[in-house]
N, C-alpha and C. Protein backbone atom coordinates (compact mmCIF):
# COMPACT_ATOMS: atom_id res chain seq x y z
N UNK A 1 10.81 16.00 -15.11
CA UNK A 1 10.31 16.41 -13.81
C UNK A 1 10.56 15.31 -12.79
N UNK A 2 10.94 15.69 -11.63
CA UNK A 2 11.16 14.73 -10.55
C UNK A 2 9.84 14.15 -10.07
N UNK A 3 9.91 12.94 -9.54
CA UNK A 3 8.72 12.29 -8.99
C UNK A 3 9.13 11.31 -7.91
N UNK A 4 8.18 11.01 -7.04
CA UNK A 4 8.36 9.94 -6.06
C UNK A 4 7.97 8.64 -6.73
N UNK A 5 8.81 7.64 -6.62
CA UNK A 5 8.51 6.29 -7.11
C UNK A 5 8.52 5.38 -5.89
N UNK A 6 7.40 4.74 -5.66
CA UNK A 6 7.23 3.91 -4.46
C UNK A 6 6.80 2.51 -4.87
N UNK A 7 7.49 1.52 -4.32
CA UNK A 7 7.08 0.13 -4.49
C UNK A 7 6.60 -0.37 -3.13
N UNK A 8 5.38 -0.88 -3.11
CA UNK A 8 4.77 -1.35 -1.86
C UNK A 8 4.39 -2.81 -1.98
N UNK A 9 4.47 -3.51 -0.85
CA UNK A 9 4.02 -4.90 -0.83
C UNK A 9 3.60 -5.24 0.59
N UNK A 10 2.76 -6.24 0.69
CA UNK A 10 2.32 -6.76 1.97
C UNK A 10 2.15 -8.25 1.86
N UNK A 11 2.22 -8.93 2.99
CA UNK A 11 2.06 -10.37 2.99
C UNK A 11 1.64 -10.87 4.35
N UNK A 12 1.21 -12.10 4.35
CA UNK A 12 0.76 -12.71 5.60
C UNK A 12 1.04 -14.21 5.54
N UNK A 13 1.82 -14.69 6.48
CA UNK A 13 2.08 -16.13 6.60
C UNK A 13 0.98 -16.71 7.48
N UNK A 14 0.20 -17.60 6.90
CA UNK A 14 -0.93 -18.16 7.63
C UNK A 14 -2.19 -17.33 7.46
N UNK A 15 -2.31 -16.62 6.33
CA UNK A 15 -3.48 -15.79 6.06
C UNK A 15 -4.74 -16.63 6.25
N UNK A 16 -5.74 -16.08 6.86
CA UNK A 16 -7.03 -16.73 7.16
C UNK A 16 -6.96 -17.72 8.32
N UNK A 17 -5.82 -17.81 8.99
CA UNK A 17 -5.74 -18.62 10.20
C UNK A 17 -5.81 -17.67 11.39
N UNK A 18 -6.27 -18.17 12.51
CA UNK A 18 -6.44 -17.29 13.67
C UNK A 18 -5.11 -16.77 14.20
N UNK A 19 -4.05 -17.53 14.05
CA UNK A 19 -2.72 -17.09 14.49
C UNK A 19 -1.82 -17.01 13.27
N UNK A 20 -1.39 -15.81 12.94
CA UNK A 20 -0.54 -15.64 11.79
C UNK A 20 0.39 -14.45 12.00
N UNK A 21 1.28 -14.23 11.05
CA UNK A 21 2.12 -13.04 11.09
C UNK A 21 2.06 -12.36 9.72
N UNK A 22 2.04 -11.05 9.76
CA UNK A 22 1.99 -10.28 8.53
C UNK A 22 3.11 -9.27 8.49
N UNK A 23 3.41 -8.83 7.30
CA UNK A 23 4.43 -7.82 7.13
C UNK A 23 4.11 -6.92 5.95
N UNK A 24 4.66 -5.74 6.01
CA UNK A 24 4.52 -4.78 4.92
C UNK A 24 5.88 -4.15 4.68
N UNK A 25 6.10 -3.73 3.45
CA UNK A 25 7.36 -3.07 3.11
C UNK A 25 7.16 -2.09 1.98
N UNK A 26 8.00 -1.06 1.98
CA UNK A 26 7.94 -0.07 0.91
C UNK A 26 9.34 0.46 0.63
N UNK A 27 9.62 0.60 -0.64
CA UNK A 27 10.87 1.19 -1.11
C UNK A 27 10.51 2.49 -1.82
N UNK A 28 11.03 3.60 -1.31
CA UNK A 28 10.72 4.91 -1.85
C UNK A 28 11.95 5.51 -2.51
N UNK A 29 11.73 6.17 -3.63
CA UNK A 29 12.84 6.83 -4.30
C UNK A 29 12.39 8.19 -4.81
N UNK A 30 13.24 9.18 -4.60
CA UNK A 30 13.05 10.51 -5.15
C UNK A 30 14.41 10.97 -5.65
N UNK A 31 14.53 11.11 -6.96
CA UNK A 31 15.83 11.39 -7.58
C UNK A 31 16.85 10.37 -7.09
N UNK A 32 17.97 10.81 -6.53
CA UNK A 32 18.99 9.86 -6.08
C UNK A 32 18.77 9.38 -4.65
N UNK A 33 17.74 9.90 -3.98
CA UNK A 33 17.47 9.54 -2.59
C UNK A 33 16.58 8.30 -2.51
N UNK A 34 17.00 7.34 -1.67
CA UNK A 34 16.21 6.13 -1.44
C UNK A 34 15.93 5.99 0.04
N UNK A 35 14.76 5.45 0.34
CA UNK A 35 14.38 5.22 1.73
C UNK A 35 13.53 3.95 1.76
N UNK A 36 13.80 3.09 2.73
CA UNK A 36 13.03 1.85 2.86
C UNK A 36 12.41 1.78 4.24
N UNK A 37 11.19 1.27 4.28
CA UNK A 37 10.48 1.10 5.55
C UNK A 37 9.79 -0.26 5.53
N UNK A 38 9.60 -0.81 6.72
CA UNK A 38 8.87 -2.08 6.83
C UNK A 38 8.40 -2.26 8.25
N UNK A 39 7.47 -3.18 8.41
CA UNK A 39 6.97 -3.50 9.75
C UNK A 39 6.15 -4.77 9.70
N UNK A 40 5.91 -5.32 10.86
CA UNK A 40 5.15 -6.56 10.94
C UNK A 40 4.22 -6.56 12.13
N UNK A 41 3.20 -7.37 12.02
CA UNK A 41 2.22 -7.52 13.10
C UNK A 41 1.74 -8.96 13.13
N UNK A 42 1.16 -9.32 14.24
CA UNK A 42 0.55 -10.65 14.37
C UNK A 42 -0.95 -10.53 14.14
N UNK A 43 -1.53 -11.64 13.70
CA UNK A 43 -2.99 -11.78 13.55
C UNK A 43 -3.59 -10.67 12.69
N UNK A 44 -3.28 -10.74 11.41
CA UNK A 44 -3.73 -9.75 10.45
C UNK A 44 -4.17 -10.45 9.18
N UNK A 45 -4.29 -9.73 8.09
CA UNK A 45 -4.61 -10.33 6.80
C UNK A 45 -3.66 -9.76 5.74
N UNK A 46 -3.56 -10.47 4.64
CA UNK A 46 -2.75 -10.02 3.53
C UNK A 46 -3.23 -8.65 3.03
N UNK A 47 -4.54 -8.49 2.87
CA UNK A 47 -5.07 -7.23 2.36
C UNK A 47 -4.75 -6.06 3.28
N UNK A 48 -4.82 -6.28 4.57
CA UNK A 48 -4.48 -5.21 5.52
C UNK A 48 -3.01 -4.81 5.37
N UNK A 49 -2.15 -5.78 5.15
CA UNK A 49 -0.73 -5.48 5.01
C UNK A 49 -0.44 -4.75 3.70
N UNK A 50 -1.14 -5.12 2.63
CA UNK A 50 -0.98 -4.42 1.35
C UNK A 50 -1.38 -2.95 1.50
N UNK A 51 -2.51 -2.70 2.13
CA UNK A 51 -2.97 -1.32 2.36
C UNK A 51 -2.01 -0.57 3.27
N UNK A 52 -1.55 -1.23 4.33
CA UNK A 52 -0.66 -0.59 5.29
C UNK A 52 0.64 -0.15 4.63
N UNK A 53 1.16 -0.95 3.72
CA UNK A 53 2.40 -0.58 3.02
C UNK A 53 2.23 0.75 2.29
N UNK A 54 1.13 0.92 1.59
CA UNK A 54 0.87 2.17 0.87
C UNK A 54 0.69 3.33 1.83
N UNK A 55 -0.05 3.10 2.90
CA UNK A 55 -0.29 4.14 3.89
C UNK A 55 1.02 4.61 4.51
N UNK A 56 1.83 3.68 4.97
CA UNK A 56 3.09 4.04 5.62
C UNK A 56 4.02 4.78 4.67
N UNK A 57 4.04 4.38 3.41
CA UNK A 57 4.89 5.07 2.43
C UNK A 57 4.43 6.51 2.23
N UNK A 58 3.13 6.71 2.08
CA UNK A 58 2.62 8.07 1.89
C UNK A 58 2.79 8.92 3.13
N UNK A 59 2.74 8.30 4.30
CA UNK A 59 2.97 9.06 5.53
C UNK A 59 4.39 9.62 5.57
N UNK A 60 5.35 8.89 4.99
CA UNK A 60 6.73 9.36 4.96
C UNK A 60 6.86 10.65 4.15
N UNK A 61 6.14 10.74 3.05
CA UNK A 61 6.32 11.90 2.15
C UNK A 61 5.21 12.94 2.26
N UNK A 62 4.23 12.72 3.13
CA UNK A 62 3.13 13.69 3.27
C UNK A 62 3.67 14.97 3.90
N UNK A 63 3.78 15.96 3.08
CA UNK A 63 4.30 17.25 3.50
C UNK A 63 3.86 18.25 2.44
N UNK A 64 3.34 19.38 2.84
CA UNK A 64 2.85 20.36 1.86
C UNK A 64 3.92 20.78 0.86
N UNK A 65 5.19 20.65 1.22
CA UNK A 65 6.26 20.99 0.28
C UNK A 65 6.27 20.05 -0.92
N UNK A 66 5.72 18.85 -0.75
CA UNK A 66 5.78 17.84 -1.80
C UNK A 66 4.46 17.69 -2.56
N UNK A 67 3.46 18.48 -2.24
CA UNK A 67 2.12 18.35 -2.80
C UNK A 67 2.10 18.29 -4.32
N UNK A 68 2.95 19.09 -4.96
CA UNK A 68 2.93 19.19 -6.42
C UNK A 68 3.84 18.18 -7.11
N UNK A 69 4.60 17.42 -6.34
CA UNK A 69 5.49 16.42 -6.93
C UNK A 69 4.68 15.16 -7.26
N UNK A 70 4.73 14.68 -8.50
CA UNK A 70 3.98 13.46 -8.85
C UNK A 70 4.43 12.26 -8.02
N UNK A 71 3.48 11.39 -7.74
CA UNK A 71 3.74 10.17 -6.97
C UNK A 71 3.25 8.98 -7.79
N UNK A 72 4.10 8.00 -7.95
CA UNK A 72 3.72 6.73 -8.59
C UNK A 72 3.91 5.62 -7.58
N UNK A 73 2.82 4.93 -7.28
CA UNK A 73 2.87 3.80 -6.35
C UNK A 73 2.69 2.52 -7.16
N UNK A 74 3.71 1.68 -7.11
CA UNK A 74 3.67 0.40 -7.81
C UNK A 74 3.37 -0.68 -6.78
N UNK A 75 2.38 -1.50 -7.09
CA UNK A 75 1.90 -2.48 -6.13
C UNK A 75 1.45 -3.73 -6.89
N UNK A 76 1.73 -4.90 -6.32
CA UNK A 76 1.28 -6.14 -6.99
C UNK A 76 -0.10 -6.58 -6.51
N UNK A 77 -0.74 -5.76 -5.69
CA UNK A 77 -2.06 -6.09 -5.16
C UNK A 77 -3.18 -5.49 -6.03
N UNK A 78 -3.91 -6.37 -6.73
CA UNK A 78 -5.06 -5.90 -7.50
C UNK A 78 -6.09 -5.27 -6.56
N UNK A 79 -6.20 -5.78 -5.35
CA UNK A 79 -7.12 -5.24 -4.34
C UNK A 79 -6.85 -3.76 -4.10
N UNK A 80 -5.60 -3.39 -3.89
CA UNK A 80 -5.25 -1.99 -3.64
C UNK A 80 -5.39 -1.15 -4.90
N UNK A 81 -4.82 -1.61 -6.00
CA UNK A 81 -4.84 -0.83 -7.23
C UNK A 81 -6.26 -0.64 -7.75
N UNK A 82 -7.04 -1.70 -7.82
CA UNK A 82 -8.43 -1.56 -8.27
C UNK A 82 -9.24 -0.72 -7.29
N UNK A 83 -8.99 -0.90 -6.01
CA UNK A 83 -9.70 -0.12 -5.00
C UNK A 83 -9.47 1.36 -5.18
N UNK A 84 -8.23 1.77 -5.36
CA UNK A 84 -7.92 3.19 -5.49
C UNK A 84 -8.27 3.75 -6.86
N UNK A 85 -8.15 2.94 -7.91
CA UNK A 85 -8.40 3.44 -9.27
C UNK A 85 -9.85 3.33 -9.70
N UNK A 86 -10.61 2.42 -9.10
CA UNK A 86 -11.96 2.16 -9.61
C UNK A 86 -13.04 2.16 -8.53
N UNK A 87 -12.86 1.39 -7.49
CA UNK A 87 -13.94 1.12 -6.55
C UNK A 87 -14.22 2.23 -5.56
N UNK A 88 -13.19 2.94 -5.13
CA UNK A 88 -13.33 3.84 -3.98
C UNK A 88 -14.34 4.97 -4.22
N UNK A 89 -14.44 5.45 -5.44
CA UNK A 89 -15.40 6.51 -5.74
C UNK A 89 -16.83 6.04 -5.45
N UNK A 90 -17.15 4.83 -5.87
CA UNK A 90 -18.48 4.28 -5.60
C UNK A 90 -18.70 4.01 -4.12
N UNK A 91 -17.68 3.52 -3.45
CA UNK A 91 -17.81 3.26 -2.01
C UNK A 91 -18.15 4.54 -1.26
N UNK A 92 -17.44 5.61 -1.59
CA UNK A 92 -17.68 6.88 -0.91
C UNK A 92 -19.10 7.37 -1.22
N UNK A 93 -19.50 7.28 -2.48
CA UNK A 93 -20.83 7.74 -2.89
C UNK A 93 -21.94 6.95 -2.20
N UNK A 94 -21.67 5.67 -1.91
CA UNK A 94 -22.68 4.82 -1.27
C UNK A 94 -22.51 4.76 0.25
N UNK A 95 -21.74 5.65 0.82
CA UNK A 95 -21.54 5.64 2.26
C UNK A 95 -20.72 4.45 2.74
N UNK A 96 -19.65 4.13 2.00
CA UNK A 96 -18.74 3.04 2.32
C UNK A 96 -19.43 1.67 2.30
N UNK A 97 -20.31 1.53 1.32
CA UNK A 97 -20.95 0.25 1.04
C UNK A 97 -20.52 -0.20 -0.35
N UNK A 98 -20.36 -1.51 -0.52
CA UNK A 98 -20.05 -2.07 -1.83
C UNK A 98 -21.32 -2.08 -2.67
N UNK A 99 -21.20 -2.45 -3.93
CA UNK A 99 -22.35 -2.49 -4.82
C UNK A 99 -23.43 -3.44 -4.30
N UNK A 100 -23.03 -4.49 -3.56
CA UNK A 100 -23.99 -5.45 -3.00
C UNK A 100 -24.59 -4.97 -1.67
N UNK A 101 -24.31 -3.71 -1.32
CA UNK A 101 -24.83 -3.05 -0.11
C UNK A 101 -24.15 -3.49 1.19
N UNK A 102 -23.17 -4.38 1.09
CA UNK A 102 -22.42 -4.81 2.27
C UNK A 102 -21.33 -3.77 2.57
N UNK A 103 -20.97 -3.63 3.85
CA UNK A 103 -19.93 -2.65 4.19
C UNK A 103 -18.58 -3.03 3.58
N UNK A 104 -17.84 -2.02 3.19
CA UNK A 104 -16.49 -2.22 2.68
C UNK A 104 -15.61 -2.73 3.82
N UNK A 105 -14.86 -3.79 3.56
CA UNK A 105 -13.94 -4.31 4.57
C UNK A 105 -12.72 -3.40 4.64
N UNK A 106 -12.11 -3.35 5.80
CA UNK A 106 -10.90 -2.55 6.04
C UNK A 106 -11.14 -1.06 5.80
N UNK A 107 -12.34 -0.60 6.14
CA UNK A 107 -12.71 0.80 5.91
C UNK A 107 -11.73 1.78 6.54
N UNK A 108 -11.28 1.49 7.73
CA UNK A 108 -10.35 2.41 8.40
C UNK A 108 -9.09 2.61 7.57
N UNK A 109 -8.58 1.54 6.99
CA UNK A 109 -7.38 1.63 6.18
C UNK A 109 -7.66 2.32 4.84
N UNK A 110 -8.77 2.00 4.22
CA UNK A 110 -9.14 2.64 2.96
C UNK A 110 -9.33 4.14 3.16
N UNK A 111 -9.98 4.52 4.25
CA UNK A 111 -10.20 5.95 4.51
C UNK A 111 -8.88 6.67 4.73
N UNK A 112 -7.96 6.04 5.43
CA UNK A 112 -6.65 6.65 5.66
C UNK A 112 -5.88 6.77 4.35
N UNK A 113 -5.91 5.73 3.53
CA UNK A 113 -5.20 5.77 2.24
C UNK A 113 -5.80 6.84 1.34
N UNK A 114 -7.11 6.95 1.31
CA UNK A 114 -7.76 7.98 0.50
C UNK A 114 -7.36 9.37 0.98
N UNK A 115 -7.41 9.60 2.28
CA UNK A 115 -7.04 10.91 2.82
C UNK A 115 -5.60 11.27 2.46
N UNK A 116 -4.70 10.32 2.58
CA UNK A 116 -3.30 10.58 2.24
C UNK A 116 -3.13 10.84 0.74
N UNK A 117 -3.84 10.09 -0.07
CA UNK A 117 -3.70 10.28 -1.52
C UNK A 117 -4.20 11.66 -1.95
N UNK A 118 -5.15 12.20 -1.24
CA UNK A 118 -5.68 13.53 -1.57
C UNK A 118 -4.71 14.65 -1.20
N UNK A 119 -3.64 14.32 -0.51
CA UNK A 119 -2.61 15.31 -0.16
C UNK A 119 -1.70 15.62 -1.34
N UNK A 120 -1.84 14.89 -2.44
CA UNK A 120 -0.96 15.05 -3.59
C UNK A 120 -1.79 15.43 -4.82
N UNK A 121 -1.26 16.33 -5.62
CA UNK A 121 -1.96 16.77 -6.82
C UNK A 121 -1.99 15.71 -7.91
N UNK A 122 -0.95 14.87 -7.95
CA UNK A 122 -0.81 13.88 -9.03
C UNK A 122 -0.30 12.58 -8.42
N UNK A 123 -1.22 11.64 -8.22
CA UNK A 123 -0.84 10.35 -7.64
C UNK A 123 -1.44 9.24 -8.49
N UNK A 124 -0.63 8.23 -8.76
CA UNK A 124 -1.08 7.10 -9.58
C UNK A 124 -0.79 5.80 -8.84
N UNK A 125 -1.73 4.89 -8.90
CA UNK A 125 -1.55 3.54 -8.37
C UNK A 125 -1.43 2.62 -9.58
N UNK A 126 -0.30 1.93 -9.68
CA UNK A 126 0.03 1.15 -10.87
C UNK A 126 0.26 -0.31 -10.48
N UNK A 127 -0.41 -1.20 -11.18
CA UNK A 127 -0.31 -2.64 -10.91
C UNK A 127 0.93 -3.20 -11.58
N UNK A 128 1.70 -3.98 -10.80
CA UNK A 128 2.83 -4.72 -11.35
C UNK A 128 2.62 -6.20 -11.04
N UNK A 129 3.23 -7.03 -11.84
CA UNK A 129 3.14 -8.46 -11.61
C UNK A 129 4.03 -8.83 -10.43
N UNK A 130 3.47 -9.53 -9.47
CA UNK A 130 4.22 -9.94 -8.29
C UNK A 130 5.15 -11.10 -8.58
N UNK A 131 6.25 -11.14 -7.85
CA UNK A 131 7.21 -12.23 -7.94
C UNK A 131 7.70 -12.44 -9.37
N UNK A 132 7.87 -11.32 -10.07
CA UNK A 132 8.37 -11.35 -11.44
C UNK A 132 9.73 -10.63 -11.47
N UNK A 133 10.13 -10.22 -12.61
CA UNK A 133 11.44 -9.60 -12.77
C UNK A 133 11.36 -8.08 -12.65
N UNK A 134 10.80 -7.62 -11.54
CA UNK A 134 10.67 -6.18 -11.29
C UNK A 134 11.47 -5.87 -10.03
N UNK A 135 12.58 -5.17 -10.19
CA UNK A 135 13.51 -4.94 -9.08
C UNK A 135 12.84 -4.27 -7.88
N UNK A 136 12.00 -3.26 -8.14
CA UNK A 136 11.34 -2.56 -7.04
C UNK A 136 10.38 -3.45 -6.28
N UNK A 137 9.60 -4.25 -7.00
CA UNK A 137 8.66 -5.15 -6.36
C UNK A 137 9.38 -6.26 -5.60
N UNK A 138 10.47 -6.73 -6.16
CA UNK A 138 11.27 -7.76 -5.48
C UNK A 138 11.80 -7.21 -4.16
N UNK A 139 12.30 -5.97 -4.18
CA UNK A 139 12.84 -5.38 -2.95
C UNK A 139 11.73 -5.17 -1.92
N UNK A 140 10.56 -4.72 -2.33
CA UNK A 140 9.45 -4.54 -1.40
C UNK A 140 9.07 -5.88 -0.77
N UNK A 141 9.06 -6.93 -1.57
CA UNK A 141 8.75 -8.27 -1.06
C UNK A 141 9.81 -8.73 -0.06
N UNK A 142 11.08 -8.43 -0.33
CA UNK A 142 12.14 -8.78 0.62
C UNK A 142 11.93 -8.07 1.96
N UNK A 143 11.50 -6.81 1.91
CA UNK A 143 11.23 -6.07 3.14
C UNK A 143 10.07 -6.69 3.92
N UNK A 144 9.05 -7.14 3.20
CA UNK A 144 7.91 -7.83 3.84
C UNK A 144 8.40 -9.06 4.59
N UNK A 145 9.20 -9.86 3.92
CA UNK A 145 9.70 -11.10 4.54
C UNK A 145 10.64 -10.80 5.71
N UNK A 146 11.44 -9.75 5.58
CA UNK A 146 12.30 -9.35 6.70
C UNK A 146 11.45 -8.97 7.92
N UNK A 147 10.38 -8.24 7.68
CA UNK A 147 9.49 -7.85 8.77
C UNK A 147 8.88 -9.08 9.46
N UNK A 148 8.42 -10.03 8.66
CA UNK A 148 7.81 -11.24 9.24
C UNK A 148 8.86 -12.09 9.95
N UNK A 149 10.06 -12.17 9.39
CA UNK A 149 11.14 -12.93 10.04
C UNK A 149 11.49 -12.35 11.41
N UNK A 150 11.44 -11.05 11.53
CA UNK A 150 11.77 -10.41 12.79
C UNK A 150 10.73 -10.63 13.88
N UNK A 151 9.53 -11.02 13.49
CA UNK A 151 8.47 -11.32 14.47
C UNK A 151 8.73 -12.68 15.09
N UNK A 152 9.21 -13.63 14.30
CA UNK A 152 9.43 -15.00 14.79
C UNK A 152 10.50 -15.07 15.84
C-alpha cells in the first residue's frame, strides 16, 4: 500500500537568546513523487521550529482525497514525537494543562498539529536519531540550515 513518508526537522541558531534565527524543513515522499519545503524566521525557539516543520508538511498533503493514505512522520525531536504519541491526550483532557497544572507551551502550534493529524485515518509519529546515518533526516536538517542561511 502506498503511504506518505515525511522527514521533518527544525533548528535554531542562538536558541534561548533574544536575537536568533530558526529554520524548519521537511522532505515528503509519496511513491516516486518527492517534495521539499523549508522556511525560516527570526526570534523563535528550536521547539517551535520542530513543530512548524510537521505542521507545514501536513498542510501540503491535507486533502480529503488523501485521508485514507497512511502517513509516517519521522522526526528527531523527542518533544514532538512524545507530545503527539503520549502527552497530547492528557493535555486535551486537562484543558491544555500539563500534569503539573502549568499551561502547555506552544499551545497554538500543538493545537494546529493535532487538528491536522486528525485529518488522516492512519498517522504515525516516529522518532529517529538526529545527525546519524538516516538519509531522510539528514536531508531535512540540510533544509533547516538552508532556511537559516537565507535569513543571514
